[in-house]
C-alpha cells in the first residue's frame, strides 16, 4: 500500500465509527495474544465511547469504496489520567494499531501527532504509554515521533 498523508485523514471517532474500529481493535488484541472476539471488542468500544471514558482517533481513507465505505487504516485510544505532581491531566496512550498494508506510510506517526495535539488542546501534562519489550517496530515509531523512554521509573502491575 502506498498510503500518503494526502490519502487519509485522522478523525476523532464517534459511536458511528465503532464498526470500522472493531476489526482493528480485535487485531490489536490478537497481537497481544488474546483470542479473537469481535462481539466483545465492539461492546467494549461502544461502552468507552458512550461513557466518554476514552478518546479514539481513527485514520480513514479520504475516498470511499463502491459501497460508500471508507477504509480504516489504524487507530489510537487514549484514556484520561492525572499527574498529581504537576496538578494537570495526563493521557494514557493505551492502544495504537495500524493495519499491515498501511504500516510505514505515515499513519502511525499521524495518529501519534494527533494524540499529541489533543494533549496540548486539553492542557495536559503529556502522554504516557507502555509497549512490549519485544515490539521494536513500535519503539522505533515512538522514538521517531519524539517520545522518550523513561529510565527513571520502573513499571509495576498487579493483575487480578
C-alpha atoms as a PDB file:
ATOM      1  CA  UNK A   1       0.000   0.000   0.000  1.00  0.00           C
ATOM      2  CA  UNK A   2       1.365   3.372  -0.934  1.00  0.00           C
ATOM      3  CA  UNK A   3      -0.560   5.497   1.544  1.00  0.00           C
ATOM      4  CA  UNK A   4       0.451   9.120   1.801  1.00  0.00           C
ATOM      5  CA  UNK A   5      -0.823  11.693   4.252  1.00  0.00           C
ATOM      6  CA  UNK A   6      -2.912  13.168   1.444  1.00  0.00           C
ATOM      7  CA  UNK A   7      -4.821   9.883   1.064  1.00  0.00           C
ATOM      8  CA  UNK A   8      -6.024   9.624   4.669  1.00  0.00           C
ATOM      9  CA  UNK A   9      -7.248  11.797   7.478  1.00  0.00           C
ATOM     10  CA  UNK A  10      -7.252  11.479  11.231  1.00  0.00           C
ATOM     11  CA  UNK A  11     -10.639  11.950  12.828  1.00  0.00           C
ATOM     12  CA  UNK A  12     -11.946  11.670  16.358  1.00  0.00           C
ATOM     13  CA  UNK A  13     -14.111   8.575  16.458  1.00  0.00           C
ATOM     14  CA  UNK A  14     -17.746   8.628  17.442  1.00  0.00           C
ATOM     15  CA  UNK A  15     -20.194   5.822  18.092  1.00  0.00           C
ATOM     16  CA  UNK A  16     -20.871   5.765  14.323  1.00  0.00           C
ATOM     17  CA  UNK A  17     -17.275   4.602  13.745  1.00  0.00           C
ATOM     18  CA  UNK A  18     -17.423   1.534  16.014  1.00  0.00           C
ATOM     19  CA  UNK A  19     -17.996  -0.884  13.119  1.00  0.00           C
ATOM     20  CA  UNK A  20     -14.830   0.417  11.428  1.00  0.00           C
ATOM     21  CA  UNK A  21     -12.713   0.319  14.596  1.00  0.00           C
ATOM     22  CA  UNK A  22     -13.851  -3.106  15.833  1.00  0.00           C
ATOM     23  CA  UNK A  23     -11.802  -5.280  13.433  1.00  0.00           C
ATOM     24  CA  UNK A  24      -8.740  -3.097  14.066  1.00  0.00           C
ATOM     25  CA  UNK A  25      -9.208  -3.350  17.827  1.00  0.00           C
ATOM     26  CA  UNK A  26      -9.675  -7.113  17.583  1.00  0.00           C
ATOM     27  CA  UNK A  27      -6.461  -7.435  15.527  1.00  0.00           C
ATOM     28  CA  UNK A  28      -4.648  -5.258  18.074  1.00  0.00           C
ATOM     29  CA  UNK A  29      -5.779  -7.591  20.878  1.00  0.00           C
ATOM     30  CA  UNK A  30      -4.682 -10.631  18.874  1.00  0.00           C
ATOM     31  CA  UNK A  31      -1.225  -9.066  18.510  1.00  0.00           C
ATOM     32  CA  UNK A  32      -1.089  -9.219  22.321  1.00  0.00           C
ATOM     33  CA  UNK A  33      -2.034 -12.924  22.338  1.00  0.00           C
ATOM     34  CA  UNK A  34      -5.759 -12.506  23.025  1.00  0.00           C
ATOM     35  CA  UNK A  35      -8.367 -14.673  21.306  1.00  0.00           C
ATOM     36  CA  UNK A  36     -10.428 -13.003  18.625  1.00  0.00           C
ATOM     37  CA  UNK A  37     -13.798 -11.784  19.908  1.00  0.00           C
ATOM     38  CA  UNK A  38     -15.457  -9.252  17.647  1.00  0.00           C
ATOM     39  CA  UNK A  39     -18.625  -9.032  19.746  1.00  0.00           C
ATOM     40  CA  UNK A  40     -16.719  -8.285  22.949  1.00  0.00           C
ATOM     41  CA  UNK A  41     -14.472  -5.825  21.095  1.00  0.00           C
ATOM     42  CA  UNK A  42     -17.490  -3.993  19.696  1.00  0.00           C
ATOM     43  CA  UNK A  43     -19.212  -3.909  23.094  1.00  0.00           C
ATOM     44  CA  UNK A  44     -16.052  -2.610  24.773  1.00  0.00           C
ATOM     45  CA  UNK A  45     -15.548   0.175  22.219  1.00  0.00           C
ATOM     46  CA  UNK A  46     -19.223   1.114  22.287  1.00  0.00           C
ATOM     47  CA  UNK A  47     -19.132   1.432  26.078  1.00  0.00           C
ATOM     48  CA  UNK A  48     -15.972   3.538  26.002  1.00  0.00           C
ATOM     49  CA  UNK A  49     -17.492   5.989  23.536  1.00  0.00           C
ATOM     50  CA  UNK A  50     -20.942   6.060  25.145  1.00  0.00           C
ATOM     51  CA  UNK A  51     -19.442   6.672  28.582  1.00  0.00           C
ATOM     52  CA  UNK A  52     -16.942   9.174  27.183  1.00  0.00           C
ATOM     53  CA  UNK A  53     -14.278   7.219  29.094  1.00  0.00           C
ATOM     54  CA  UNK A  54     -11.762   7.197  26.258  1.00  0.00           C
ATOM     55  CA  UNK A  55     -10.854   9.189  23.185  1.00  0.00           C
ATOM     56  CA  UNK A  56     -10.239   7.319  19.947  1.00  0.00           C
ATOM     57  CA  UNK A  57      -8.603   8.766  16.866  1.00  0.00           C
ATOM     58  CA  UNK A  58      -9.093   6.887  13.612  1.00  0.00           C
ATOM     59  CA  UNK A  59      -7.108   7.016  10.366  1.00  0.00           C
ATOM     60  CA  UNK A  60      -9.558   6.843   7.465  1.00  0.00           C
ATOM     61  CA  UNK A  61      -9.115   6.875   3.700  1.00  0.00           C
ATOM     62  CA  UNK A  62     -10.304  10.054   2.041  1.00  0.00           C
ATOM     63  CA  UNK A  63     -12.138   8.116  -0.652  1.00  0.00           C
ATOM     64  CA  UNK A  64     -14.968   5.648  -0.173  1.00  0.00           C
ATOM     65  CA  UNK A  65     -15.217   2.289  -1.892  1.00  0.00           C
ATOM     66  CA  UNK A  66     -18.045   1.362  -4.289  1.00  0.00           C
ATOM     67  CA  UNK A  67     -20.325   0.772  -1.273  1.00  0.00           C
ATOM     68  CA  UNK A  68     -19.601   4.197   0.193  1.00  0.00           C
ATOM     69  CA  UNK A  69     -17.379   2.789   2.952  1.00  0.00           C
ATOM     70  CA  UNK A  70     -14.075   4.388   3.844  1.00  0.00           C
ATOM     71  CA  UNK A  71     -11.062   2.191   4.644  1.00  0.00           C
ATOM     72  CA  UNK A  72      -9.884   2.285   8.261  1.00  0.00           C
ATOM     73  CA  UNK A  73      -6.076   2.172   8.397  1.00  0.00           C
ATOM     74  CA  UNK A  74      -5.472   2.432  12.129  1.00  0.00           C
ATOM     75  CA  UNK A  75      -6.490   3.881  15.455  1.00  0.00           C
ATOM     76  CA  UNK A  76      -5.196   5.057  18.787  1.00  0.00           C
ATOM     77  CA  UNK A  77      -7.125   5.057  22.053  1.00  0.00           C
ATOM     78  CA  UNK A  78      -6.395   7.448  24.914  1.00  0.00           C
ATOM     79  CA  UNK A  79      -7.583   7.156  28.498  1.00  0.00           C
ATOM     80  CA  UNK A  80      -7.670  10.095  30.912  1.00  0.00           C
ATOM     81  CA  UNK A  81      -5.492  10.146  33.998  1.00  0.00           C
ATOM     82  CA  UNK A  82      -3.842  12.794  36.167  1.00  0.00           C
ATOM     83  CA  UNK A  83      -0.385  13.900  37.171  1.00  0.00           C
ATOM     84  CA  UNK A  84      -0.563  14.697  40.873  1.00  0.00           C
ATOM     85  CA  UNK A  85       2.916  16.211  40.865  1.00  0.00           C
ATOM     86  CA  UNK A  86       2.161  18.688  38.068  1.00  0.00           C
ATOM     87  CA  UNK A  87      -1.515  19.137  39.042  1.00  0.00           C
ATOM     88  CA  UNK A  88      -2.572  18.522  35.431  1.00  0.00           C
ATOM     89  CA  UNK A  89      -4.422  15.940  33.389  1.00  0.00           C
ATOM     90  CA  UNK A  90      -2.413  13.228  31.690  1.00  0.00           C
ATOM     91  CA  UNK A  91      -3.410  10.976  28.786  1.00  0.00           C
ATOM     92  CA  UNK A  92      -2.544   7.286  28.653  1.00  0.00           C
ATOM     93  CA  UNK A  93      -1.990   6.186  25.088  1.00  0.00           C
ATOM     94  CA  UNK A  94      -3.144   2.654  25.716  1.00  0.00           C
ATOM     95  CA  UNK A  95      -3.681   1.353  22.191  1.00  0.00           C
ATOM     96  CA  UNK A  96      -2.114   2.069  18.815  1.00  0.00           C
ATOM     97  CA  UNK A  97      -2.661  -0.165  15.813  1.00  0.00           C
ATOM     98  CA  UNK A  98      -2.117   0.214  12.078  1.00  0.00           C
ATOM     99  CA  UNK A  99      -3.102  -2.447   9.550  1.00  0.00           C
ATOM    100  CA  UNK A 100      -0.198  -4.235   7.922  1.00  0.00           C
ATOM    101  CA  UNK A 101      -0.867  -2.691   4.495  1.00  0.00           C
ATOM    102  CA  UNK A 102      -0.623   0.837   5.908  1.00  0.00           C
ATOM    103  CA  UNK A 103       2.497   0.422   8.039  1.00  0.00           C
ATOM    104  CA  UNK A 104       5.484   2.615   7.195  1.00  0.00           C
ATOM    105  CA  UNK A 105       3.161   5.006   5.359  1.00  0.00           C
ATOM    106  CA  UNK A 106       2.855   7.737   7.974  1.00  0.00           C
ATOM    107  CA  UNK A 107      -0.415   6.544   9.514  1.00  0.00           C
ATOM    108  CA  UNK A 108       1.108   5.603  12.885  1.00  0.00           C
ATOM    109  CA  UNK A 109       3.065   8.867  13.079  1.00  0.00           C
ATOM    110  CA  UNK A 110      -0.058  10.853  12.149  1.00  0.00           C
ATOM    111  CA  UNK A 111      -2.052   9.131  14.905  1.00  0.00           C
ATOM    112  CA  UNK A 112       0.699   9.907  17.430  1.00  0.00           C
ATOM    113  CA  UNK A 113       0.838  13.513  16.232  1.00  0.00           C
ATOM    114  CA  UNK A 114      -2.939  13.872  16.643  1.00  0.00           C
ATOM    115  CA  UNK A 115      -2.751  12.413  20.151  1.00  0.00           C
ATOM    116  CA  UNK A 116      -0.039  14.965  20.978  1.00  0.00           C
ATOM    117  CA  UNK A 117      -2.174  17.806  19.572  1.00  0.00           C
ATOM    118  CA  UNK A 118      -5.104  16.602  21.663  1.00  0.00           C
ATOM    119  CA  UNK A 119      -2.966  16.595  24.815  1.00  0.00           C
ATOM    120  CA  UNK A 120      -1.957  20.187  24.065  1.00  0.00           C
ATOM    121  CA  UNK A 121      -5.597  21.141  23.377  1.00  0.00           C
ATOM    122  CA  UNK A 122      -6.645  19.710  26.738  1.00  0.00           C
ATOM    123  CA  UNK A 123      -3.713  21.374  28.537  1.00  0.00           C
ATOM    124  CA  UNK A 124      -2.444  18.010  29.712  1.00  0.00           C
ATOM    125  CA  UNK A 125       0.951  17.372  31.273  1.00  0.00           C
ATOM    126  CA  UNK A 126       1.572  14.978  28.419  1.00  0.00           C
ATOM    127  CA  UNK A 127       1.018  11.455  27.231  1.00  0.00           C
ATOM    128  CA  UNK A 128       2.332   8.187  28.566  1.00  0.00           C
ATOM    129  CA  UNK A 129       2.433   4.681  27.139  1.00  0.00           C
ATOM    130  CA  UNK A 130       3.911   1.257  27.639  1.00  0.00           C
ATOM    131  CA  UNK A 131       4.706  -1.299  24.984  1.00  0.00           C
ATOM    132  CA  UNK A 132       6.034  -4.821  24.896  1.00  0.00           C
ATOM    133  CA  UNK A 133       9.811  -5.019  25.226  1.00  0.00           C
ATOM    134  CA  UNK A 134       9.980  -7.064  22.019  1.00  0.00           C
ATOM    135  CA  UNK A 135       7.821  -4.638  19.979  1.00  0.00           C
ATOM    136  CA  UNK A 136      10.820  -2.967  18.368  1.00  0.00           C
ATOM    137  CA  UNK A 137       8.916  -1.550  15.386  1.00  0.00           C
ATOM    138  CA  UNK A 138       6.567   0.347  17.716  1.00  0.00           C
ATOM    139  CA  UNK A 139       9.500   1.513  19.840  1.00  0.00           C
ATOM    140  CA  UNK A 140      11.185   2.899  16.723  1.00  0.00           C
ATOM    141  CA  UNK A 141       7.998   4.730  15.741  1.00  0.00           C
ATOM    142  CA  UNK A 142       7.637   6.257  19.205  1.00  0.00           C
ATOM    143  CA  UNK A 143      11.230   7.445  19.249  1.00  0.00           C
ATOM    144  CA  UNK A 144      10.961   8.925  15.735  1.00  0.00           C
ATOM    145  CA  UNK A 145       7.834  10.762  16.920  1.00  0.00           C
ATOM    146  CA  UNK A 146       9.779  12.310  19.808  1.00  0.00           C
ATOM    147  CA  UNK A 147       8.752  10.008  22.656  1.00  0.00           C
ATOM    148  CA  UNK A 148      11.454   9.256  25.203  1.00  0.00           C
ATOM    149  CA  UNK A 149      11.940   6.003  27.057  1.00  0.00           C
ATOM    150  CA  UNK A 150      11.738   6.585  30.796  1.00  0.00           C
ATOM    151  CA  UNK A 151      14.923   5.495  32.506  1.00  0.00           C
ATOM    152  CA  UNK A 152      13.924   6.908  35.916  1.00  0.00           C
ATOM    153  CA  UNK A 153      10.877   4.820  36.767  1.00  0.00           C
ATOM    154  CA  UNK A 154      10.014   1.148  36.808  1.00  0.00           C
ATOM    155  CA  UNK A 155       6.592  -0.009  35.769  1.00  0.00           C
ATOM    156  CA  UNK A 156       4.764  -2.399  38.107  1.00  0.00           C
ATOM    157  CA  UNK A 157       1.438  -4.142  37.598  1.00  0.00           C
ATOM    158  CA  UNK A 158      -0.921  -6.029  39.848  1.00  0.00           C
ATOM    159  CA  UNK A 159      -3.159  -8.144  37.652  1.00  0.00           C
ATOM    160  CA  UNK A 160      -6.296  -9.570  39.214  1.00  0.00           C
END
